[in-house]
N, C-alpha and C. Protein backbone atom coordinates (compact mmCIF):
# COMPACT_ATOMS: atom_id res chain seq x y z
N MET A 1 -4.12 -7.70 -181.79
CA MET A 1 -2.79 -6.83 -181.75
C MET A 1 -3.51 -5.45 -181.95
N ALA A 2 -2.72 -4.36 -181.21
CA ALA A 2 -3.64 -3.20 -181.32
C ALA A 2 -2.44 -2.29 -182.36
N GLU A 3 -2.93 -1.87 -183.12
CA GLU A 3 -2.54 -1.02 -183.78
C GLU A 3 -1.95 0.44 -183.40
N PRO A 4 -0.25 0.83 -183.64
CA PRO A 4 -0.02 1.97 -183.16
C PRO A 4 -0.50 3.05 -183.98
N ARG A 5 -0.91 4.01 -182.63
CA ARG A 5 -1.43 5.12 -182.97
C ARG A 5 -0.06 6.21 -183.80
N GLU A 6 -0.71 6.90 -184.46
CA GLU A 6 -0.12 8.34 -185.30
C GLU A 6 0.06 9.49 -184.67
N PHE A 7 -0.90 9.92 -184.05
CA PHE A 7 -1.05 10.95 -182.85
C PHE A 7 -1.68 10.67 -180.93
N LEU A 8 -0.86 10.96 -179.95
CA LEU A 8 -1.24 10.45 -179.02
C LEU A 8 -1.13 12.37 -178.22
N SER A 9 -2.36 12.19 -177.78
CA SER A 9 -2.86 13.75 -176.66
C SER A 9 -1.13 13.95 -175.31
N ILE A 10 -1.29 15.27 -175.56
CA ILE A 10 -0.62 15.44 -174.28
C ILE A 10 -0.75 14.72 -172.85
N ASP A 11 -1.55 14.64 -172.69
CA ASP A 11 -2.08 13.73 -170.90
C ASP A 11 -1.54 12.48 -171.27
N GLU A 12 -1.96 11.52 -172.74
CA GLU A 12 -1.47 9.77 -172.77
C GLU A 12 0.10 10.39 -173.12
N ALA A 13 0.67 11.34 -173.55
CA ALA A 13 2.66 11.53 -173.64
C ALA A 13 2.91 11.61 -172.85
N ALA A 14 2.28 12.48 -171.61
CA ALA A 14 3.05 12.57 -170.18
C ALA A 14 2.86 11.51 -169.62
N GLU A 15 1.88 10.34 -169.51
CA GLU A 15 1.77 9.36 -168.92
C GLU A 15 2.63 8.03 -169.51
N MET A 16 2.72 8.61 -170.91
CA MET A 16 3.56 7.31 -170.93
C MET A 16 4.99 7.54 -171.21
N ILE A 17 5.87 8.99 -170.99
CA ILE A 17 7.24 9.13 -170.83
C ILE A 17 7.15 9.56 -168.91
N GLY A 18 6.50 10.03 -168.61
CA GLY A 18 6.37 9.87 -166.90
C GLY A 18 6.81 11.45 -166.75
N TRP A 19 6.08 12.36 -167.42
CA TRP A 19 6.23 13.69 -166.86
C TRP A 19 5.37 14.24 -166.52
N ASN A 20 5.32 15.25 -166.20
CA ASN A 20 3.64 16.07 -166.16
C ASN A 20 3.63 16.81 -167.38
N ARG A 21 2.28 17.22 -167.59
CA ARG A 21 1.65 17.85 -168.59
C ARG A 21 2.48 19.07 -168.45
N ALA A 22 3.15 19.93 -168.18
CA ALA A 22 3.34 21.42 -168.01
C ALA A 22 4.62 21.05 -168.71
N THR A 23 5.30 19.82 -168.19
CA THR A 23 7.24 19.46 -168.91
C THR A 23 7.17 19.31 -170.16
N VAL A 24 5.83 18.43 -170.50
CA VAL A 24 5.50 17.83 -171.79
C VAL A 24 5.14 19.43 -172.65
N PHE A 25 4.36 19.95 -172.70
CA PHE A 25 4.19 21.42 -172.91
C PHE A 25 5.79 22.51 -172.83
N GLU A 26 6.41 22.32 -172.15
CA GLU A 26 7.66 23.03 -171.83
C GLU A 26 8.40 22.75 -173.13
N TRP A 27 8.73 21.04 -173.19
CA TRP A 27 9.92 20.59 -174.20
C TRP A 27 9.29 20.94 -176.01
N VAL A 28 7.73 20.56 -175.71
CA VAL A 28 7.08 20.67 -177.26
C VAL A 28 7.24 22.14 -177.73
N LYS A 29 7.37 22.99 -176.78
CA LYS A 29 7.73 24.42 -176.89
C LYS A 29 9.46 24.45 -177.26
N THR A 30 10.38 24.34 -176.17
CA THR A 30 11.54 24.33 -176.82
C THR A 30 12.24 23.61 -177.77
N LEU A 31 11.65 22.85 -178.16
CA LEU A 31 11.74 22.08 -179.97
C LEU A 31 11.28 22.29 -181.07
N GLY A 32 9.95 23.05 -180.82
CA GLY A 32 9.32 23.54 -181.72
C GLY A 32 8.46 22.37 -182.37
N ILE A 33 7.90 21.59 -181.22
CA ILE A 33 7.30 20.29 -181.83
C ILE A 33 5.75 20.70 -182.33
N GLN A 34 5.38 20.39 -183.83
CA GLN A 34 4.05 20.85 -184.16
C GLN A 34 2.83 20.35 -183.26
N THR A 35 2.22 21.19 -182.49
CA THR A 35 0.59 20.49 -181.83
C THR A 35 -0.46 20.36 -183.14
N HIS A 36 -0.82 19.12 -182.77
CA HIS A 36 -2.52 19.26 -183.79
C HIS A 36 -3.95 19.07 -182.53
N LYS A 37 -5.14 19.61 -183.16
CA LYS A 37 -6.08 19.90 -182.72
C LYS A 37 -7.16 19.31 -183.74
N PHE A 38 -7.87 18.14 -183.52
CA PHE A 38 -8.91 18.10 -184.52
C PHE A 38 -10.08 18.66 -184.13
N VAL A 39 -11.64 17.93 -185.27
CA VAL A 39 -12.33 18.51 -185.24
C VAL A 39 -13.00 18.03 -183.87
N ARG A 40 -13.90 18.82 -183.09
CA ARG A 40 -14.87 18.48 -182.06
C ARG A 40 -14.14 17.93 -181.04
N ASN A 41 -12.78 18.16 -180.64
CA ASN A 41 -12.10 18.00 -179.63
C ASN A 41 -10.93 18.82 -179.20
N ARG A 42 -11.20 19.12 -177.63
CA ARG A 42 -10.61 19.77 -176.97
C ARG A 42 -9.05 19.62 -176.78
N LYS A 43 -8.62 18.60 -176.65
CA LYS A 43 -7.33 18.27 -177.03
C LYS A 43 -6.30 18.31 -177.94
N THR A 44 -4.95 18.47 -176.58
CA THR A 44 -4.01 18.57 -178.09
C THR A 44 -3.01 17.78 -178.12
N TYR A 45 -2.56 17.17 -179.20
CA TYR A 45 -2.24 15.78 -179.73
C TYR A 45 -0.88 16.57 -180.24
N ILE A 46 -0.40 15.46 -180.43
CA ILE A 46 1.65 15.80 -180.82
C ILE A 46 1.81 13.91 -181.34
N THR A 47 3.10 13.96 -182.73
CA THR A 47 2.56 12.42 -183.32
C THR A 47 3.19 11.67 -182.35
N ALA A 48 3.14 10.74 -182.58
CA ALA A 48 4.03 9.40 -181.93
C ALA A 48 5.50 9.18 -181.81
N ALA A 49 5.68 10.11 -183.37
CA ALA A 49 7.23 10.24 -183.83
C ALA A 49 8.36 11.15 -182.05
N ASP A 50 6.66 12.03 -182.34
CA ASP A 50 7.26 13.49 -181.64
C ASP A 50 7.14 13.02 -180.15
N VAL A 51 6.57 11.85 -179.32
CA VAL A 51 6.97 11.37 -178.05
C VAL A 51 7.49 10.36 -177.58
N ALA A 52 7.80 9.61 -178.84
CA ALA A 52 9.54 8.82 -178.99
C ALA A 52 10.72 9.58 -178.57
N ARG A 53 10.60 10.45 -179.53
CA ARG A 53 11.41 11.75 -179.51
C ARG A 53 11.60 12.16 -177.91
N LEU A 54 11.15 12.24 -177.17
CA LEU A 54 10.46 12.91 -175.71
C LEU A 54 11.32 11.93 -175.03
N GLN A 55 10.25 11.18 -175.36
CA GLN A 55 11.08 9.55 -174.35
C GLN A 55 12.62 9.45 -174.43
N GLU A 56 13.10 9.73 -175.80
CA GLU A 56 14.60 9.24 -176.20
C GLU A 56 15.21 10.90 -174.67
N ILE A 57 15.20 11.85 -175.38
CA ILE A 57 15.31 12.94 -174.17
C ILE A 57 15.57 12.50 -173.10
N LYS A 58 14.32 11.77 -172.52
CA LYS A 58 14.16 11.52 -171.18
C LYS A 58 15.42 11.11 -170.94
N GLU A 59 15.35 9.54 -171.04
CA GLU A 59 16.18 8.28 -170.56
C GLU A 59 17.60 8.85 -171.50
N LYS A 60 17.96 9.80 -172.54
CA LYS A 60 19.70 10.07 -173.34
C LYS A 60 19.20 11.94 -172.77
N PRO A 61 19.45 12.57 -171.77
CA PRO A 61 19.74 13.94 -171.72
C PRO A 61 20.55 15.04 -172.91
N TRP A 62 21.53 13.70 -173.10
CA TRP A 62 22.72 14.67 -173.97
C TRP A 62 22.21 14.55 -175.49
N THR A 63 21.00 13.89 -175.57
CA THR A 63 20.03 13.99 -176.80
C THR A 63 19.34 15.33 -177.64
N ALA A 64 18.96 16.46 -176.41
CA ALA A 64 18.78 17.20 -176.36
C ALA A 64 19.10 18.37 -177.09
N PRO A 65 18.61 18.83 -178.03
CA PRO A 65 19.68 20.04 -178.27
C PRO A 65 20.27 20.91 -177.41
N GLU A 66 21.12 21.83 -177.74
CA GLU A 66 21.87 22.24 -176.92
C GLU A 66 21.40 24.04 -176.50
N ARG A 67 21.27 24.71 -175.68
CA ARG A 67 20.12 25.70 -175.67
C ARG A 67 21.26 26.66 -176.02
N LYS A 68 20.16 27.82 -176.76
CA LYS A 68 20.81 28.99 -177.28
C LYS A 68 21.48 29.89 -176.36
N SER A 69 22.41 30.84 -176.60
CA SER A 69 22.69 31.28 -175.60
C SER A 69 22.14 32.77 -174.84
N GLU A 70 21.38 32.62 -175.87
CA GLU A 70 20.10 34.04 -175.38
C GLU A 70 19.39 33.54 -174.33
N GLU A 71 18.94 32.26 -174.56
CA GLU A 71 18.10 31.27 -173.61
C GLU A 71 18.74 31.40 -172.40
N ALA A 72 20.13 30.97 -172.36
CA ALA A 72 21.32 30.92 -171.26
C ALA A 72 21.19 31.89 -170.37
N ALA A 73 21.03 33.20 -170.95
CA ALA A 73 20.98 34.04 -169.74
C ALA A 73 19.62 34.22 -168.65
């Protein structure tokens, strides 16, 4: 049985959610999700919990935080 992973690359997260990389990066920025880089690895990673959060937002958009008034303008 495969062990659950703590971190997934942005590419893996995008594939799992069904979004493209740019959409994942945009949501990471919007939600202030912390990204991680590891030694001798050029990829960007986010936690599995954050990937689950993004998956929930895709499935239930009303769970996403509301836009701030200055962003809506």
